Amino acid sequence: MSKTRLDKIASYDEQIAQLNNRKKQEIQKHKADERKARTRRLIERGAILEGFIPNAETLTGEQVKTLLQEVFRNKSTPAKPAASPQAAPALSGGDGGKLETA
């Protein structure tokens, strides 16, 4: 049985619809992966910052923001990160990396 031209066209339309659906699914997966990566990065960096702020768990978000603004006031833009974790300078000082508060 030979397909008519109209049958072929309908088959192509169906394939196009399937490919468009696959494309949408892949886009959704990509966006979900990006959100997960961002969330992980924010959590990791927040944990690092919290390690340097004494009693951070008792401070409000606004207090932490104010503290960081004070710490970074009059500072130039931070240097670019080292190319590899091994190349990053070690923290020094006997205070365990804690910030002093007034």
N, C-alpha and C. Protein backbone atom coordinates (compact mmCIF):
# COMPACT_ATOMS: atom_id res chain seq x y z
N MET A 1 0.84 -1.18 0.00
CA MET A 1 0.00 0.00 0.00
C MET A 1 0.89 1.24 0.00
N SER A 2 0.70 2.09 -0.92
CA SER A 2 1.49 3.28 -1.08
C SER A 2 0.84 4.45 -0.36
N LYS A 3 1.69 5.23 0.31
CA LYS A 3 1.16 6.41 0.98
C LYS A 3 0.91 7.52 -0.03
N THR A 4 -0.14 8.19 0.18
CA THR A 4 -0.41 9.35 -0.68
C THR A 4 0.43 10.51 -0.17
N ARG A 5 0.52 11.48 -0.98
CA ARG A 5 1.28 12.68 -0.58
C ARG A 5 0.70 13.31 0.67
N LEU A 6 -0.62 13.31 0.79
CA LEU A 6 -1.26 13.89 1.98
C LEU A 6 -0.91 13.08 3.23
N ASP A 7 -0.81 11.76 3.10
CA ASP A 7 -0.42 10.92 4.22
C ASP A 7 1.02 11.21 4.65
N LYS A 8 1.90 11.41 3.67
CA LYS A 8 3.29 11.74 3.97
C LYS A 8 3.38 13.08 4.69
N ILE A 9 2.62 14.04 4.20
CA ILE A 9 2.62 15.37 4.82
C ILE A 9 2.13 15.26 6.27
N ALA A 10 1.07 14.49 6.50
CA ALA A 10 0.54 14.30 7.85
C ALA A 10 1.58 13.62 8.74
N SER A 11 2.31 12.67 8.18
CA SER A 11 3.35 11.97 8.93
C SER A 11 4.46 12.94 9.33
N TYR A 12 4.85 13.80 8.41
CA TYR A 12 5.88 14.80 8.70
C TYR A 12 5.40 15.78 9.77
N ASP A 13 4.14 16.18 9.69
CA ASP A 13 3.58 17.09 10.70
C ASP A 13 3.63 16.45 12.08
N GLU A 14 3.34 15.15 12.14
CA GLU A 14 3.38 14.43 13.41
C GLU A 14 4.81 14.37 13.95
N GLN A 15 5.77 14.12 13.06
CA GLN A 15 7.17 14.07 13.47
C GLN A 15 7.63 15.43 13.98
N ILE A 16 7.21 16.48 13.31
CA ILE A 16 7.56 17.84 13.72
C ILE A 16 7.00 18.12 15.12
N ALA A 17 5.75 17.73 15.35
CA ALA A 17 5.13 17.94 16.65
C ALA A 17 5.88 17.17 17.74
N GLN A 18 6.28 15.93 17.43
CA GLN A 18 7.03 15.12 18.40
C GLN A 18 8.38 15.76 18.71
N LEU A 19 9.06 16.23 17.69
CA LEU A 19 10.36 16.87 17.90
C LEU A 19 10.21 18.17 18.69
N ASN A 20 9.16 18.93 18.41
CA ASN A 20 8.93 20.15 19.18
C ASN A 20 8.68 19.84 20.65
N ASN A 21 7.95 18.76 20.92
CA ASN A 21 7.71 18.36 22.31
C ASN A 21 9.01 17.92 22.99
N ARG A 22 9.83 17.17 22.27
CA ARG A 22 11.13 16.76 22.83
C ARG A 22 12.00 17.98 23.12
N LYS A 23 11.96 18.94 22.21
CA LYS A 23 12.74 20.17 22.39
C LYS A 23 12.28 20.89 23.66
N LYS A 24 10.97 21.01 23.84
CA LYS A 24 10.44 21.67 25.04
C LYS A 24 10.86 20.95 26.30
N GLN A 25 10.84 19.61 26.27
CA GLN A 25 11.26 18.82 27.43
C GLN A 25 12.73 19.05 27.74
N GLU A 26 13.57 19.07 26.73
CA GLU A 26 14.99 19.29 26.95
C GLU A 26 15.26 20.69 27.49
N ILE A 27 14.52 21.68 27.00
CA ILE A 27 14.66 23.04 27.51
C ILE A 27 14.28 23.09 28.98
N GLN A 28 13.18 22.42 29.34
CA GLN A 28 12.75 22.38 30.74
C GLN A 28 13.79 21.70 31.62
N LYS A 29 14.37 20.60 31.14
CA LYS A 29 15.40 19.91 31.91
C LYS A 29 16.63 20.79 32.09
N HIS A 30 17.00 21.50 31.02
CA HIS A 30 18.16 22.40 31.09
C HIS A 30 17.92 23.51 32.12
N LYS A 31 16.74 24.10 32.09
CA LYS A 31 16.42 25.16 33.05
C LYS A 31 16.41 24.62 34.48
N ALA A 32 15.90 23.41 34.67
CA ALA A 32 15.88 22.81 36.00
C ALA A 32 17.31 22.56 36.48
N ASP A 33 18.17 22.09 35.60
CA ASP A 33 19.57 21.87 35.96
C ASP A 33 20.26 23.18 36.34
N GLU A 34 19.97 24.25 35.59
CA GLU A 34 20.55 25.55 35.91
C GLU A 34 20.06 26.05 37.26
N ARG A 35 18.76 25.86 37.56
CA ARG A 35 18.22 26.28 38.86
C ARG A 35 18.88 25.51 39.99
N LYS A 36 19.05 24.19 39.80
CA LYS A 36 19.68 23.37 40.83
C LYS A 36 21.12 23.81 41.07
N ALA A 37 21.84 24.09 40.00
CA ALA A 37 23.23 24.53 40.12
C ALA A 37 23.30 25.88 40.85
N ARG A 38 22.40 26.79 40.53
CA ARG A 38 22.38 28.10 41.19
C ARG A 38 22.05 27.95 42.66
N THR A 39 21.05 27.12 42.96
CA THR A 39 20.66 26.90 44.35
C THR A 39 21.83 26.32 45.14
N ARG A 40 22.49 25.34 44.57
CA ARG A 40 23.64 24.73 45.25
C ARG A 40 24.74 25.76 45.49
N ARG A 41 25.03 26.58 44.47
CA ARG A 41 26.06 27.60 44.60
C ARG A 41 25.71 28.60 45.69
N LEU A 42 24.44 29.03 45.73
CA LEU A 42 24.01 29.99 46.75
C LEU A 42 24.12 29.40 48.15
N ILE A 43 23.74 28.15 48.29
CA ILE A 43 23.82 27.50 49.60
C ILE A 43 25.28 27.36 50.03
N GLU A 44 26.13 26.89 49.13
CA GLU A 44 27.55 26.72 49.46
C GLU A 44 28.19 28.05 49.85
N ARG A 45 27.95 29.08 49.06
CA ARG A 45 28.57 30.37 49.34
C ARG A 45 28.00 31.00 50.59
N GLY A 46 26.71 30.83 50.81
CA GLY A 46 26.10 31.33 52.04
C GLY A 46 26.69 30.65 53.26
N ALA A 47 26.93 29.35 53.16
CA ALA A 47 27.54 28.60 54.26
C ALA A 47 28.97 29.08 54.52
N ILE A 48 29.70 29.36 53.46
CA ILE A 48 31.06 29.87 53.61
C ILE A 48 31.03 31.22 54.32
N LEU A 49 30.17 32.12 53.86
CA LEU A 49 30.07 33.44 54.50
C LEU A 49 29.64 33.31 55.95
N GLU A 50 28.69 32.43 56.22
CA GLU A 50 28.20 32.26 57.59
C GLU A 50 29.32 31.77 58.51
N GLY A 51 30.26 31.03 57.96
CA GLY A 51 31.39 30.57 58.75
C GLY A 51 32.30 31.69 59.20
N PHE A 52 32.26 32.82 58.53
CA PHE A 52 33.10 33.95 58.88
C PHE A 52 32.37 34.98 59.74
N ILE A 53 31.09 34.82 59.94
CA ILE A 53 30.30 35.79 60.71
C ILE A 53 29.93 35.18 62.05
N PRO A 54 30.45 35.75 63.14
CA PRO A 54 30.12 35.21 64.46
C PRO A 54 28.63 35.32 64.73
N ASN A 55 28.05 34.29 65.31
CA ASN A 55 26.63 34.26 65.67
C ASN A 55 25.73 34.58 64.48
N ALA A 56 26.10 34.14 63.31
CA ALA A 56 25.35 34.45 62.10
C ALA A 56 23.92 33.94 62.19
N GLU A 57 23.72 32.82 62.87
CA GLU A 57 22.38 32.25 62.95
C GLU A 57 21.41 33.14 63.72
N THR A 58 21.93 34.07 64.53
CA THR A 58 21.05 34.96 65.29
C THR A 58 20.77 36.27 64.58
N LEU A 59 21.50 36.54 63.49
CA LEU A 59 21.33 37.80 62.76
C LEU A 59 20.22 37.68 61.72
N THR A 60 19.56 38.80 61.47
CA THR A 60 18.57 38.84 60.39
C THR A 60 19.29 39.03 59.06
N GLY A 61 18.59 38.80 57.98
CA GLY A 61 19.17 39.01 56.66
C GLY A 61 19.63 40.45 56.47
N GLU A 62 18.86 41.39 56.98
CA GLU A 62 19.22 42.81 56.86
C GLU A 62 20.48 43.11 57.66
N GLN A 63 20.64 42.50 58.82
CA GLN A 63 21.84 42.71 59.63
C GLN A 63 23.08 42.14 58.93
N VAL A 64 22.93 40.98 58.33
CA VAL A 64 24.05 40.38 57.59
C VAL A 64 24.41 41.27 56.40
N LYS A 65 23.40 41.78 55.71
CA LYS A 65 23.64 42.67 54.57
C LYS A 65 24.40 43.92 55.02
N THR A 66 23.98 44.51 56.12
CA THR A 66 24.64 45.72 56.64
C THR A 66 26.08 45.41 57.03
N LEU A 67 26.29 44.28 57.69
CA LEU A 67 27.63 43.88 58.08
C LEU A 67 28.53 43.72 56.87
N LEU A 68 28.04 43.04 55.84
CA LEU A 68 28.84 42.84 54.64
C LEU A 68 29.11 44.16 53.91
N GLN A 69 28.12 45.06 53.92
CA GLN A 69 28.34 46.37 53.31
C GLN A 69 29.44 47.12 54.04
N GLU A 70 29.46 47.03 55.36
CA GLU A 70 30.50 47.69 56.15
C GLU A 70 31.87 47.07 55.86
N VAL A 71 31.91 45.75 55.79
CA VAL A 71 33.18 45.06 55.55
C VAL A 71 33.74 45.43 54.18
N PHE A 72 32.86 45.52 53.19
CA PHE A 72 33.34 45.76 51.83
C PHE A 72 33.32 47.23 51.42
N ARG A 73 32.92 48.11 52.31
CA ARG A 73 32.95 49.54 52.01
C ARG A 73 34.40 49.96 51.80
N ASN A 74 34.62 50.83 50.87
CA ASN A 74 35.95 51.34 50.55
C ASN A 74 36.89 50.26 50.03
N LYS A 75 36.36 49.13 49.65
CA LYS A 75 37.18 48.07 49.07
C LYS A 75 36.99 48.13 47.56
N SER A 76 38.04 47.79 46.84
CA SER A 76 37.90 47.73 45.39
C SER A 76 37.22 46.42 45.03
N THR A 77 36.92 46.26 43.78
CA THR A 77 36.28 45.04 43.30
C THR A 77 37.16 43.85 43.66
N PRO A 78 36.55 42.78 44.15
CA PRO A 78 37.36 41.62 44.52
C PRO A 78 38.15 41.09 43.34
N ALA A 79 39.33 40.55 43.64
CA ALA A 79 40.18 39.98 42.58
C ALA A 79 39.50 38.78 41.97
N LYS A 80 39.87 38.48 40.75
CA LYS A 80 39.31 37.31 40.09
C LYS A 80 39.76 36.07 40.84
N PRO A 81 38.89 35.05 40.90
CA PRO A 81 39.28 33.84 41.61
C PRO A 81 40.46 33.16 40.95
N ALA A 82 41.22 32.42 41.75
CA ALA A 82 42.37 31.69 41.23
C ALA A 82 41.92 30.67 40.21
N ALA A 83 42.82 30.29 39.32
CA ALA A 83 42.49 29.35 38.25
C ALA A 83 42.11 27.99 38.79
N SER A 84 42.71 27.57 39.90
CA SER A 84 42.39 26.27 40.46
C SER A 84 42.33 26.38 41.98
N PRO A 85 41.61 25.47 42.64
CA PRO A 85 41.53 25.54 44.09
C PRO A 85 42.89 25.43 44.77
N GLN A 86 43.83 24.71 44.16
CA GLN A 86 45.16 24.57 44.75
C GLN A 86 45.92 25.89 44.73
N ALA A 87 45.60 26.75 43.78
CA ALA A 87 46.30 28.02 43.64
C ALA A 87 45.75 29.09 44.56
N ALA A 88 44.62 28.83 45.22
CA ALA A 88 44.02 29.83 46.10
C ALA A 88 44.86 29.99 47.35
N PRO A 89 45.07 31.23 47.81
CA PRO A 89 45.88 31.44 49.01
C PRO A 89 45.14 30.92 50.24
N ALA A 90 45.89 30.41 51.18
CA ALA A 90 45.30 29.91 52.43
C ALA A 90 44.97 31.09 53.33
N LEU A 91 43.93 30.92 54.14
CA LEU A 91 43.58 31.95 55.11
C LEU A 91 44.61 31.95 56.21
N SER A 92 44.96 33.12 56.69
CA SER A 92 45.92 33.19 57.77
C SER A 92 45.28 33.90 58.94
N GLY A 93 45.94 33.83 60.05
CA GLY A 93 45.42 34.49 61.24
C GLY A 93 44.96 33.47 62.25
N GLY A 94 45.10 33.78 63.51
CA GLY A 94 44.76 32.85 64.56
C GLY A 94 43.31 32.92 64.98
N ASP A 95 42.51 33.73 64.33
CA ASP A 95 41.11 33.88 64.74
C ASP A 95 40.19 32.92 64.03
N GLY A 96 40.71 31.98 63.26
CA GLY A 96 39.88 31.01 62.57
C GLY A 96 39.09 31.62 61.43
N GLY A 97 39.51 32.79 60.95
CA GLY A 97 38.81 33.42 59.83
C GLY A 97 37.56 34.17 60.23
N LYS A 98 37.35 34.41 61.51
CA LYS A 98 36.15 35.10 61.99
C LYS A 98 36.33 36.61 61.85
N LEU A 99 35.25 37.29 61.54
CA LEU A 99 35.26 38.74 61.46
C LEU A 99 35.02 39.32 62.85
N GLU A 100 35.64 40.42 63.11
CA GLU A 100 35.39 41.09 64.38
C GLU A 100 34.22 42.02 64.23
N THR A 101 33.35 42.05 65.22
CA THR A 101 32.21 42.95 65.20
C THR A 101 32.36 43.96 66.30
N ALA A 102 31.76 45.12 66.10
CA ALA A 102 31.87 46.19 67.09
C ALA A 102 30.84 46.02 68.17
